[in-house]
Amino acid sequence: MKPMMCFELRAALEDMGLKPTVLAKVCGVKYLEAWRWIQGERKIPRSVRIILTLIKTRAPSLVMSGQLLEWEVKRHHVFREGETFRDVLKRWHPDVNQRDTTAEMQVINQFR
């Protein structure tokens, strides 16, 4: 299973009606760490997908079998609050970001 991206995390939180403060609490981290996941500033630990799957399905057997949920990313999860392609590109382009953002750029280009 591919790592969770911030766009998918935003989709999961919206789908489940969870606020970042609740995410931080159930994951046992400070709010700032959860905020950094949502903003894409930090990699999202695999345990976050596991926790969200458990909350959504209430089915530990699903998690034990390795069948973790994936959420559908929509345009508003990528382009937030009037952001343009250029705005998003500034944040996610590998030359600017100094890290491999290939997966994120593929998602961004889908909604261009």
PDB file of N, CA and C in Angstrom:
ATOM      1  N   MET A   1       0.846  -1.176   0.000  1.00  0.00           N
ATOM      2  CA  MET A   1       0.000   0.000   0.000  1.00  0.00           C
ATOM      3  C   MET A   1       0.891   1.239   0.000  1.00  0.00           C
ATOM      4  N   LYS A   2       0.487   2.205  -0.816  1.00  0.00           N
ATOM      5  CA  LYS A   2       1.263   3.435  -0.922  1.00  0.00           C
ATOM      6  C   LYS A   2       1.117   4.277   0.346  1.00  0.00           C
ATOM      7  N   PRO A   3       2.131   5.065   0.650  1.00  0.00           N
ATOM      8  CA  PRO A   3       2.046   5.932   1.835  1.00  0.00           C
ATOM      9  C   PRO A   3       0.915   6.946   1.680  1.00  0.00           C
ATOM     10  N   MET A   4       0.374   7.356   2.784  1.00  0.00           N
ATOM     11  CA  MET A   4      -0.705   8.342   2.774  1.00  0.00           C
ATOM     12  C   MET A   4      -0.122   9.721   2.523  1.00  0.00           C
ATOM     13  N   MET A   5      -0.734  10.454   1.601  1.00  0.00           N
ATOM     14  CA  MET A   5      -0.333  11.831   1.320  1.00  0.00           C
ATOM     15  C   MET A   5      -1.264  12.779   2.067  1.00  0.00           C
ATOM     16  N   CYS A   6      -0.831  14.010   2.219  1.00  0.00           N
ATOM     17  CA  CYS A   6      -1.649  14.994   2.924  1.00  0.00           C
ATOM     18  C   CYS A   6      -3.006  15.172   2.253  1.00  0.00           C
ATOM     19  N   PHE A   7      -3.063  15.054   0.929  1.00  0.00           N
ATOM     20  CA  PHE A   7      -4.329  15.223   0.217  1.00  0.00           C
ATOM     21  C   PHE A   7      -5.320  14.134   0.634  1.00  0.00           C
ATOM     22  N   GLU A   8      -4.821  12.903   0.755  1.00  0.00           N
ATOM     23  CA  GLU A   8      -5.683  11.808   1.173  1.00  0.00           C
ATOM     24  C   GLU A   8      -6.093  11.966   2.639  1.00  0.00           C
ATOM     25  N   LEU A   9      -5.180  12.455   3.459  1.00  0.00           N
ATOM     26  CA  LEU A   9      -5.514  12.697   4.865  1.00  0.00           C
ATOM     27  C   LEU A   9      -6.617  13.741   4.980  1.00  0.00           C
ATOM     28  N   ARG A  10      -6.529  14.795   4.168  1.00  0.00           N
ATOM     29  CA  ARG A  10      -7.585  15.808   4.162  1.00  0.00           C
ATOM     30  C   ARG A  10      -8.917  15.188   3.759  1.00  0.00           C
ATOM     31  N   ALA A  11      -8.879  14.305   2.748  1.00  0.00           N
ATOM     32  CA  ALA A  11     -10.104  13.627   2.292  1.00  0.00           C
ATOM     33  C   ALA A  11     -10.672  12.748   3.402  1.00  0.00           C
ATOM     34  N   ALA A  12      -9.806  12.034   4.108  1.00  0.00           N
ATOM     35  CA  ALA A  12     -10.255  11.154   5.193  1.00  0.00           C
ATOM     36  C   ALA A  12     -10.893  11.953   6.318  1.00  0.00           C
ATOM     37  N   LEU A  13     -10.263  13.038   6.706  1.00  0.00           N
ATOM     38  CA  LEU A  13     -10.805  13.869   7.781  1.00  0.00           C
ATOM     39  C   LEU A  13     -12.158  14.445   7.388  1.00  0.00           C
ATOM     40  N   GLU A  14     -12.275  14.901   6.143  1.00  0.00           N
ATOM     41  CA  GLU A  14     -13.556  15.435   5.671  1.00  0.00           C
ATOM     42  C   GLU A  14     -14.623  14.346   5.648  1.00  0.00           C
ATOM     43  N   ASP A  15     -14.270  13.184   5.140  1.00  0.00           N
ATOM     44  CA  ASP A  15     -15.214  12.067   5.043  1.00  0.00           C
ATOM     45  C   ASP A  15     -15.748  11.655   6.410  1.00  0.00           C
ATOM     46  N   MET A  16     -14.865  11.675   7.390  1.00  0.00           N
ATOM     47  CA  MET A  16     -15.239  11.200   8.715  1.00  0.00           C
ATOM     48  C   MET A  16     -15.691  12.329   9.648  1.00  0.00           C
ATOM     49  N   GLY A  17     -15.598  13.562   9.165  1.00  0.00           N
ATOM     50  CA  GLY A  17     -16.014  14.699   9.981  1.00  0.00           C
ATOM     51  C   GLY A  17     -15.110  14.930  11.177  1.00  0.00           C
ATOM     52  N   LEU A  18     -13.833  14.600  11.032  1.00  0.00           N
ATOM     53  CA  LEU A  18     -12.883  14.779  12.135  1.00  0.00           C
ATOM     54  C   LEU A  18     -12.125  16.088  11.992  1.00  0.00           C
ATOM     55  N   LYS A  19     -11.862  16.716  13.089  1.00  0.00           N
ATOM     56  CA  LYS A  19     -11.051  17.928  13.111  1.00  0.00           C
ATOM     57  C   LYS A  19      -9.598  17.541  13.402  1.00  0.00           C
ATOM     58  N   PRO A  20      -8.659  18.376  12.984  1.00  0.00           N
ATOM     59  CA  PRO A  20      -7.244  18.090  13.255  1.00  0.00           C
ATOM     60  C   PRO A  20      -6.941  17.874  14.738  1.00  0.00           C
ATOM     61  N   THR A  21      -7.660  18.564  15.609  1.00  0.00           N
ATOM     62  CA  THR A  21      -7.430  18.392  17.047  1.00  0.00           C
ATOM     63  C   THR A  21      -7.782  16.969  17.488  1.00  0.00           C
ATOM     64  N   VAL A  22      -8.845  16.424  16.917  1.00  0.00           N
ATOM     65  CA  VAL A  22      -9.249  15.051  17.240  1.00  0.00           C
ATOM     66  C   VAL A  22      -8.225  14.076  16.674  1.00  0.00           C
ATOM     67  N   LEU A  23      -7.772  14.325  15.450  1.00  0.00           N
ATOM     68  CA  LEU A  23      -6.737  13.473  14.849  1.00  0.00           C
ATOM     69  C   LEU A  23      -5.508  13.419  15.748  1.00  0.00           C
ATOM     70  N   ALA A  24      -5.061  14.572  16.195  1.00  0.00           N
ATOM     71  CA  ALA A  24      -3.890  14.636  17.079  1.00  0.00           C
ATOM     72  C   ALA A  24      -4.123  13.835  18.352  1.00  0.00           C
ATOM     73  N   LYS A  25      -5.296  13.991  18.919  1.00  0.00           N
ATOM     74  CA  LYS A  25      -5.614  13.307  20.181  1.00  0.00           C
ATOM     75  C   LYS A  25      -5.608  11.786  20.014  1.00  0.00           C
ATOM     76  N   VAL A  26      -6.297  11.276  18.979  1.00  0.00           N
ATOM     77  CA  VAL A  26      -6.374   9.820  18.815  1.00  0.00           C
ATOM     78  C   VAL A  26      -5.046   9.217  18.366  1.00  0.00           C
ATOM     79  N   CYS A  27      -4.194  10.035  17.736  1.00  0.00           N
ATOM     80  CA  CYS A  27      -2.876   9.538  17.317  1.00  0.00           C
ATOM     81  C   CYS A  27      -1.815   9.735  18.395  1.00  0.00           C
ATOM     82  N   GLY A  28      -2.180  10.431  19.460  1.00  0.00           N
ATOM     83  CA  GLY A  28      -1.252  10.622  20.576  1.00  0.00           C
ATOM     84  C   GLY A  28      -0.108  11.564  20.260  1.00  0.00           C
ATOM     85  N   VAL A  29      -0.398  12.588  19.437  1.00  0.00           N
ATOM     86  CA  VAL A  29       0.627  13.577  19.097  1.00  0.00           C
ATOM     87  C   VAL A  29       0.106  14.966  19.420  1.00  0.00           C
ATOM     88  N   LYS A  30       0.998  15.934  19.411  1.00  0.00           N
ATOM     89  CA  LYS A  30       0.585  17.316  19.617  1.00  0.00           C
ATOM     90  C   LYS A  30      -0.110  17.815  18.358  1.00  0.00           C
ATOM     91  N   TYR A  31      -0.968  18.805  18.538  1.00  0.00           N
ATOM     92  CA  TYR A  31      -1.720  19.373  17.425  1.00  0.00           C
ATOM     93  C   TYR A  31      -0.794  19.808  16.285  1.00  0.00           C
ATOM     94  N   LEU A  32       0.330  20.402  16.617  1.00  0.00           N
ATOM     95  CA  LEU A  32       1.256  20.901  15.594  1.00  0.00           C
ATOM     96  C   LEU A  32       1.738  19.780  14.678  1.00  0.00           C
ATOM     97  N   GLU A  33       1.964  18.613  15.222  1.00  0.00           N
ATOM     98  CA  GLU A  33       2.407  17.476  14.403  1.00  0.00           C
ATOM     99  C   GLU A  33       1.310  17.058  13.434  1.00  0.00           C
ATOM    100  N   ALA A  34       0.075  16.969  13.904  1.00  0.00           N
ATOM    101  CA  ALA A  34      -1.050  16.623  13.027  1.00  0.00           C
ATOM    102  C   ALA A  34      -1.224  17.695  11.948  1.00  0.00           C
ATOM    103  N   TRP A  35      -1.086  18.952  12.316  1.00  0.00           N
ATOM    104  CA  TRP A  35      -1.194  20.052  11.365  1.00  0.00           C
ATOM    105  C   TRP A  35      -0.127  19.910  10.280  1.00  0.00           C
ATOM    106  N   ARG A  36       1.077  19.537  10.677  1.00  0.00           N
ATOM    107  CA  ARG A  36       2.162  19.356   9.699  1.00  0.00           C
ATOM    108  C   ARG A  36       1.860  18.214   8.737  1.00  0.00           C
ATOM    109  N   TRP A  37       1.222  17.153   9.197  1.00  0.00           N
ATOM    110  CA  TRP A  37       0.807  16.070   8.297  1.00  0.00           C
ATOM    111  C   TRP A  37      -0.199  16.597   7.288  1.00  0.00           C
ATOM    112  N   ILE A  38      -1.172  17.340   7.774  1.00  0.00           N
ATOM    113  CA  ILE A  38      -2.247  17.857   6.916  1.00  0.00           C
ATOM    114  C   ILE A  38      -1.702  18.840   5.887  1.00  0.00           C
ATOM    115  N   GLN A  39      -0.717  19.623   6.277  1.00  0.00           N
ATOM    116  CA  GLN A  39      -0.120  20.599   5.363  1.00  0.00           C
ATOM    117  C   GLN A  39       0.896  19.964   4.413  1.00  0.00           C
ATOM    118  N   GLY A  40       1.285  18.728   4.693  1.00  0.00           N
ATOM    119  CA  GLY A  40       2.276  18.054   3.854  1.00  0.00           C
ATOM    120  C   GLY A  40       3.709  18.375   4.226  1.00  0.00           C
ATOM    121  N   GLU A  41       3.898  18.933   5.394  1.00  0.00           N
ATOM    122  CA  GLU A  41       5.251  19.282   5.842  1.00  0.00           C
ATOM    123  C   GLU A  41       5.998  18.092   6.428  1.00  0.00           C
ATOM    124  N   ARG A  42       5.268  17.069   6.830  1.00  0.00           N
ATOM    125  CA  ARG A  42       5.888  15.866   7.394  1.00  0.00           C
ATOM    126  C   ARG A  42       5.240  14.637   6.790  1.00  0.00           C
ATOM    127  N   LYS A  43       6.014  13.565   6.710  1.00  0.00           N
ATOM    128  CA  LYS A  43       5.465  12.291   6.262  1.00  0.00           C
ATOM    129  C   LYS A  43       4.434  11.809   7.274  1.00  0.00           C
ATOM    130  N   ILE A  44       3.405  11.182   6.761  1.00  0.00           N
ATOM    131  CA  ILE A  44       2.345  10.682   7.617  1.00  0.00           C
ATOM    132  C   ILE A  44       2.670   9.236   7.989  1.00  0.00           C
ATOM    133  N   PRO A  45       2.785   8.933   9.259  1.00  0.00           N
ATOM    134  CA  PRO A  45       3.089   7.561   9.671  1.00  0.00           C
ATOM    135  C   PRO A  45       1.988   6.592   9.232  1.00  0.00           C
ATOM    136  N   ARG A  46       2.370   5.370   8.950  1.00  0.00           N
ATOM    137  CA  ARG A  46       1.414   4.334   8.545  1.00  0.00           C
ATOM    138  C   ARG A  46       0.345   4.130   9.615  1.00  0.00           C
ATOM    139  N   SER A  47       0.727   4.351  10.850  1.00  0.00           N
ATOM    140  CA  SER A  47      -0.215   4.159  11.953  1.00  0.00           C
ATOM    141  C   SER A  47      -1.426   5.085  11.841  1.00  0.00           C
ATOM    142  N   VAL A  48      -1.283   6.226  11.188  1.00  0.00           N
ATOM    143  CA  VAL A  48      -2.410   7.145  11.025  1.00  0.00           C
ATOM    144  C   VAL A  48      -3.477   6.497  10.148  1.00  0.00           C
ATOM    145  N   ARG A  49      -3.055   5.858   9.041  1.00  0.00           N
ATOM    146  CA  ARG A  49      -4.016   5.163   8.179  1.00  0.00           C
ATOM    147  C   ARG A  49      -4.690   4.023   8.953  1.00  0.00           C
ATOM    148  N   ILE A  50      -3.932   3.331   9.771  1.00  0.00           N
ATOM    149  CA  ILE A  50      -4.486   2.236  10.572  1.00  0.00           C
ATOM    150  C   ILE A  50      -5.537   2.775  11.544  1.00  0.00           C
ATOM    151  N   ILE A  51      -5.208   3.841  12.245  1.00  0.00           N
ATOM    152  CA  ILE A  51      -6.137   4.431  13.208  1.00  0.00           C
ATOM    153  C   ILE A  51      -7.406   4.920  12.515  1.00  0.00           C
ATOM    154  N   LEU A  52      -7.244   5.605  11.380  1.00  0.00           N
ATOM    155  CA  LEU A  52      -8.417   6.108  10.663  1.00  0.00           C
ATOM    156  C   LEU A  52      -9.275   4.969  10.128  1.00  0.00           C
ATOM    157  N   THR A  53      -8.634   3.882   9.688  1.00  0.00           N
ATOM    158  CA  THR A  53      -9.387   2.712   9.232  1.00  0.00           C
ATOM    159  C   THR A  53     -10.182   2.109  10.375  1.00  0.00           C
ATOM    160  N   LEU A  54      -9.564   2.002  11.535  1.00  0.00           N
ATOM    161  CA  LEU A  54     -10.265   1.464  12.704  1.00  0.00           C
ATOM    162  C   LEU A  54     -11.453   2.337  13.108  1.00  0.00           C
ATOM    163  N   ILE A  55     -11.255   3.645  13.088  1.00  0.00           N
ATOM    164  CA  ILE A  55     -12.343   4.555  13.451  1.00  0.00           C
ATOM    165  C   ILE A  55     -13.488   4.440  12.451  1.00  0.00           C
ATOM    166  N   LYS A  56     -13.158   4.414  11.173  1.00  0.00           N
ATOM    167  CA  LYS A  56     -14.187   4.389  10.126  1.00  0.00           C
ATOM    168  C   LYS A  56     -14.945   3.067  10.091  1.00  0.00           C
ATOM    169  N   THR A  57     -14.229   1.950  10.196  1.00  0.00           N
ATOM    170  CA  THR A  57     -14.860   0.639   9.994  1.00  0.00           C
ATOM    171  C   THR A  57     -15.234  -0.070  11.278  1.00  0.00           C
ATOM    172  N   ARG A  58     -14.553   0.274  12.364  1.00  0.00           N
ATOM    173  CA  ARG A  58     -14.726  -0.440  13.635  1.00  0.00           C
ATOM    174  C   ARG A  58     -14.526  -1.941  13.436  1.00  0.00           C
ATOM    175  N   ALA A  59     -13.568  -2.269  12.555  1.00  0.00           N
ATOM    176  CA  ALA A  59     -13.323  -3.673  12.218  1.00  0.00           C
ATOM    177  C   ALA A  59     -11.836  -4.006  12.362  1.00  0.00           C
ATOM    178  N   PRO A  60     -11.413  -4.375  13.566  1.00  0.00           N
ATOM    179  CA  PRO A  60     -10.010  -4.739  13.753  1.00  0.00           C
ATOM    180  C   PRO A  60      -9.559  -5.863  12.832  1.00  0.00           C
ATOM    181  N   SER A  61     -10.472  -6.766  12.484  1.00  0.00           N
ATOM    182  CA  SER A  61     -10.098  -7.876  11.597  1.00  0.00           C
ATOM    183  C   SER A  61      -9.662  -7.366  10.229  1.00  0.00           C
ATOM    184  N   LEU A  62     -10.253  -6.264   9.768  1.00  0.00           N
ATOM    185  CA  LEU A  62      -9.862  -5.668   8.495  1.00  0.00           C
ATOM    186  C   LEU A  62      -8.420  -5.183   8.564  1.00  0.00           C
ATOM    187  N   VAL A  63      -8.090  -4.511   9.646  1.00  0.00           N
ATOM    188  CA  VAL A  63      -6.732  -4.005   9.840  1.00  0.00           C
ATOM    189  C   VAL A  63      -5.748  -5.163   9.985  1.00  0.00           C
ATOM    190  N   MET A  64      -6.140  -6.186  10.738  1.00  0.00           N
ATOM    191  CA  MET A  64      -5.264  -7.345  10.952  1.00  0.00           C
ATOM    192  C   MET A  64      -4.963  -8.067   9.645  1.00  0.00           C
ATOM    193  N   SER A  65      -5.898  -8.023   8.705  1.00  0.00           N
ATOM    194  CA  SER A  65      -5.674  -8.675   7.413  1.00  0.00           C
ATOM    195  C   SER A  65      -4.883  -7.786   6.465  1.00  0.00           C
ATOM    196  N   GLY A  66      -4.599  -6.554   6.893  1.00  0.00           N
ATOM    197  CA  GLY A  66      -3.804  -5.646   6.069  1.00  0.00           C
ATOM    198  C   GLY A  66      -4.621  -4.844   5.074  1.00  0.00           C
ATOM    199  N   GLN A  67      -5.922  -4.923   5.146  1.00  0.00           N
ATOM    200  CA  GLN A  67      -6.793  -4.204   4.213  1.00  0.00           C
ATOM    201  C   GLN A  67      -7.152  -2.841   4.789  1.00  0.00           C
ATOM    202  N   LEU A  68      -6.265  -1.880   4.595  1.00  0.00           N
ATOM    203  CA  LEU A  68      -6.497  -0.543   5.114  1.00  0.00           C
ATOM    204  C   LEU A  68      -7.253   0.287   4.083  1.00  0.00           C
ATOM    205  N   LEU A  69      -8.047   1.210   4.556  1.00  0.00           N
ATOM    206  CA  LEU A  69      -8.850   2.046   3.670  1.00  0.00           C
ATOM    207  C   LEU A  69      -7.996   3.060   2.925  1.00  0.00           C
ATOM    208  N   GLU A  70      -8.485   3.430   1.746  1.00  0.00           N
ATOM    209  CA  GLU A  70      -7.926   4.546   0.990  1.00  0.00           C
ATOM    210  C   GLU A  70      -9.082   5.498   0.721  1.00  0.00           C
ATOM    211  N   TRP A  71      -8.807   6.782   0.741  1.00  0.00           N
ATOM    212  CA  TRP A  71      -9.842   7.782   0.521  1.00  0.00           C
ATOM    213  C   TRP A  71      -9.612   8.443  -0.823  1.00  0.00           C
ATOM    214  N   GLU A  72     -10.713   8.796  -1.478  1.00  0.00           N
ATOM    215  CA  GLU A  72     -10.649   9.432  -2.789  1.00  0.00           C
ATOM    216  C   GLU A  72     -10.322  10.912  -2.629  1.00  0.00           C
ATOM    217  N   VAL A  73      -9.264  11.327  -3.301  1.00  0.00           N
ATOM    218  CA  VAL A  73      -8.842  12.722  -3.265  1.00  0.00           C
ATOM    219  C   VAL A  73      -9.608  13.480  -4.341  1.00  0.00           C
ATOM    220  N   LYS A  74     -10.176  14.599  -3.947  1.00  0.00           N
ATOM    221  CA  LYS A  74     -10.900  15.460  -4.887  1.00  0.00           C
ATOM    222  C   LYS A  74     -10.139  16.774  -5.036  1.00  0.00           C
ATOM    223  N   ARG A  75     -10.529  17.523  -6.021  1.00  0.00           N
ATOM    224  CA  ARG A  75      -9.817  18.751  -6.355  1.00  0.00           C
ATOM    225  C   ARG A  75      -9.680  19.694  -5.147  1.00  0.00           C
ATOM    226  N   HIS A  76     -10.724  19.826  -4.356  1.00  0.00           N
ATOM    227  CA  HIS A  76     -10.657  20.766  -3.231  1.00  0.00           C
ATOM    228  C   HIS A  76      -9.735  20.292  -2.109  1.00  0.00           C
ATOM    229  N   HIS A  77      -9.300  19.036  -2.134  1.00  0.00           N
ATOM    230  CA  HIS A  77      -8.312  18.574  -1.162  1.00  0.00           C
ATOM    231  C   HIS A  77      -6.907  19.010  -1.573  1.00  0.00           C
ATOM    232  N   VAL A  78      -6.729  19.276  -2.854  1.00  0.00           N
ATOM    233  CA  VAL A  78      -5.431  19.696  -3.383  1.00  0.00           C
ATOM    234  C   VAL A  78      -5.357  21.215  -3.456  1.00  0.00           C
ATOM    235  N   PHE A  79      -6.359  21.822  -4.083  1.00  0.00           N
ATOM    236  CA  PHE A  79      -6.411  23.272  -4.251  1.00  0.00           C
ATOM    237  C   PHE A  79      -7.386  23.825  -3.217  1.00  0.00           C
ATOM    238  N   ARG A  80      -6.842  24.387  -2.161  1.00  0.00           N
ATOM    239  CA  ARG A  80      -7.683  24.854  -1.060  1.00  0.00           C
ATOM    240  C   ARG A  80      -7.862  26.362  -1.097  1.00  0.00           C
ATOM    241  N   GLU A  81      -9.043  26.791  -0.753  1.00  0.00           N
ATOM    242  CA  GLU A  81      -9.359  28.214  -0.546  1.00  0.00           C
ATOM    243  C   GLU A  81      -8.801  29.130  -1.629  1.00  0.00           C
ATOM    244  N   GLY A  82      -9.181  28.878  -2.871  1.00  0.00           N
ATOM    245  CA  GLY A  82      -8.819  29.765  -3.973  1.00  0.00           C
ATOM    246  C   GLY A  82      -7.384  29.648  -4.461  1.00  0.00           C
ATOM    247  N   GLU A  83      -6.674  28.627  -4.061  1.00  0.00           N
ATOM    248  CA  GLU A  83      -5.308  28.448  -4.545  1.00  0.00           C
ATOM    249  C   GLU A  83      -5.316  28.152  -6.044  1.00  0.00           C
ATOM    250  N   THR A  84      -4.323  28.651  -6.726  1.00  0.00           N
ATOM    251  CA  THR A  84      -4.161  28.366  -8.151  1.00  0.00           C
ATOM    252  C   THR A  84      -3.126  27.267  -8.326  1.00  0.00           C
ATOM    253  N   PHE A  85      -3.022  26.771  -9.555  1.00  0.00           N
ATOM    254  CA  PHE A  85      -2.015  25.757  -9.860  1.00  0.00           C
ATOM    255  C   PHE A  85      -0.622  26.281  -9.511  1.00  0.00           C
ATOM    256  N   ARG A  86      -0.371  27.530  -9.852  1.00  0.00           N
ATOM    257  CA  ARG A  86       0.939  28.133  -9.580  1.00  0.00           C
ATOM    258  C   ARG A  86       1.228  28.172  -8.074  1.00  0.00           C
ATOM    259  N   ASP A  87       0.216  28.492  -7.274  1.00  0.00           N
ATOM    260  CA  ASP A  87       0.385  28.523  -5.812  1.00  0.00           C
ATOM    261  C   ASP A  87       0.781  27.141  -5.288  1.00  0.00           C
ATOM    262  N   VAL A  88       0.055  26.138  -5.741  1.00  0.00           N
ATOM    263  CA  VAL A  88       0.310  24.777  -5.281  1.00  0.00           C
ATOM    264  C   VAL A  88       1.672  24.298  -5.785  1.00  0.00           C
ATOM    265  N   LEU A  89       1.987  24.643  -7.016  1.00  0.00           N
ATOM    266  CA  LEU A  89       3.272  24.248  -7.594  1.00  0.00           C
ATOM    267  C   LEU A  89       4.438  24.816  -6.793  1.00  0.00           C
ATOM    268  N   LYS A  90       4.291  26.042  -6.332  1.00  0.00           N
ATOM    269  CA  LYS A  90       5.351  26.667  -5.533  1.00  0.00           C
ATOM    270  C   LYS A  90       5.662  25.847  -4.287  1.00  0.00           C
ATOM    271  N   ARG A  91       4.615  25.259  -3.709  1.00  0.00           N
ATOM    272  CA  ARG A  91       4.807  24.470  -2.490  1.00  0.00           C
ATOM    273  C   ARG A  91       5.342  23.080  -2.760  1.00  0.00           C
ATOM    274  N   TRP A  92       4.921  22.471  -3.881  1.00  0.00           N
ATOM    275  CA  TRP A  92       5.192  21.053  -4.072  1.00  0.00           C
ATOM    276  C   TRP A  92       6.256  20.718  -5.101  1.00  0.00           C
ATOM    277  N   HIS A  93       6.729  21.676  -5.865  1.00  0.00           N
ATOM    278  CA  HIS A  93       7.729  21.362  -6.880  1.00  0.00           C
ATOM    279  C   HIS A  93       8.996  20.844  -6.200  1.00  0.00           C
ATOM    280  N   PRO A  94       9.571  19.733  -6.718  1.00  0.00           N
ATOM    281  CA  PRO A  94      10.762  19.139  -6.068  1.00  0.00           C
ATOM    282  C   PRO A  94      11.929  20.096  -5.950  1.00  0.00           C
ATOM    283  N   ASP A  95      12.106  20.993  -6.921  1.00  0.00           N
ATOM    284  CA  ASP A  95      13.222  21.938  -6.852  1.00  0.00           C
ATOM    285  C   ASP A  95      13.056  22.905  -5.682  1.00  0.00           C
ATOM    286  N   VAL A  96      11.839  23.257  -5.383  1.00  0.00           N
ATOM    287  CA  VAL A  96      11.557  24.181  -4.286  1.00  0.00           C
ATOM    288  C   VAL A  96      11.559  23.443  -2.961  1.00  0.00           C
ATOM    289  N   ASN A  97      10.982  22.250  -2.977  1.00  0.00           N
ATOM    290  CA  ASN A  97      10.749  21.487  -1.764  1.00  0.00           C
ATOM    291  C   ASN A  97      11.990  20.767  -1.242  1.00  0.00           C
ATOM    292  N   GLN A  98      12.955  20.535  -2.094  1.00  0.00           N
ATOM    293  CA  GLN A  98      14.189  19.838  -1.715  1.00  0.00           C
ATOM    294  C   GLN A  98      13.946  18.408  -1.248  1.00  0.00           C
ATOM    295  N   ARG A  99      12.877  17.786  -1.769  1.00  0.00           N
ATOM    296  CA  ARG A  99      12.604  16.382  -1.473  1.00  0.00           C
ATOM    297  C   ARG A  99      11.810  15.794  -2.632  1.00  0.00           C
ATOM    298  N   ASP A 100      11.670  14.493  -2.639  1.00  0.00           N
ATOM    299  CA  ASP A 100      10.946  13.817  -3.708  1.00  0.00           C
ATOM    300  C   ASP A 100       9.442  14.006  -3.513  1.00  0.00           C
ATOM    301  N   THR A 101       8.854  14.781  -4.394  1.00  0.00           N
ATOM    302  CA  THR A 101       7.416  15.043  -4.319  1.00  0.00           C
ATOM    303  C   THR A 101       6.712  14.519  -5.579  1.00  0.00           C
ATOM    304  N   THR A 102       7.269  13.478  -6.167  1.00  0.00           N
ATOM    305  CA  THR A 102       6.723  12.926  -7.405  1.00  0.00           C
ATOM    306  C   THR A 102       5.264  12.510  -7.241  1.00  0.00           C
ATOM    307  N   ALA A 103       4.951  11.790  -6.185  1.00  0.00           N
ATOM    308  CA  ALA A 103       3.579  11.315  -5.974  1.00  0.00           C
ATOM    309  C   ALA A 103       2.617  12.490  -5.815  1.00  0.00           C
ATOM    310  N   GLU A 104       3.015  13.492  -5.058  1.00  0.00           N
ATOM    311  CA  GLU A 104       2.165  14.661  -4.856  1.00  0.00           C
ATOM    312  C   GLU A 104       1.955  15.404  -6.173  1.00  0.00           C
ATOM    313  N   MET A 105       3.019  15.544  -6.957  1.00  0.00           N
ATOM    314  CA  MET A 105       2.915  16.250  -8.233  1.00  0.00           C
ATOM    315  C   MET A 105       1.993  15.506  -9.204  1.00  0.00           C
ATOM    316  N   GLN A 106       1.974  14.183  -9.152  1.00  0.00           N
ATOM    317  CA  GLN A 106       1.068  13.433 -10.006  1.00  0.00           C
ATOM    318  C   GLN A 106      -0.390  13.740  -9.654  1.00  0.00           C
ATOM    319  N   VAL A 107      -0.671  13.806  -8.362  1.00  0.00           N
ATOM    320  CA  VAL A 107      -2.031  14.127  -7.922  1.00  0.00           C
ATOM    321  C   VAL A 107      -2.388  15.553  -8.314  1.00  0.00           C
ATOM    322  N   ILE A 108      -1.471  16.478  -8.108  1.00  0.00           N
ATOM    323  CA  ILE A 108      -1.710  17.877  -8.457  1.00  0.00           C
ATOM    324  C   ILE A 108      -2.005  18.009  -9.936  1.00  0.00           C
ATOM    325  N   ASN A 109      -1.224  17.336 -10.777  1.00  0.00           N
ATOM    326  CA  ASN A 109      -1.415  17.432 -12.217  1.00  0.00           C
ATOM    327  C   ASN A 109      -2.730  16.807 -12.684  1.00  0.00           C
ATOM    328  N   GLN A 110      -3.272  15.869 -11.925  1.00  0.00           N
ATOM    329  CA  GLN A 110      -4.576  15.286 -12.266  1.00  0.00           C
ATOM    330  C   GLN A 110      -5.673  16.351 -12.235  1.00  0.00           C
ATOM    331  N   PHE A 111      -5.530  17.319 -11.362  1.00  0.00           N
ATOM    332  CA  PHE A 111      -6.572  18.331 -11.159  1.00  0.00           C
ATOM    333  C   PHE A 111      -6.223  19.674 -11.777  1.00  0.00           C
ATOM    334  N   ARG A 112      -5.186  19.707 -12.553  1.00  0.00           N
ATOM    335  CA  ARG A 112      -4.720  20.950 -13.158  1.00  0.00           C
ATOM    336  C   ARG A 112      -5.761  21.574 -14.023  1.00  0.00           C
TER     337      ARG A 112
END
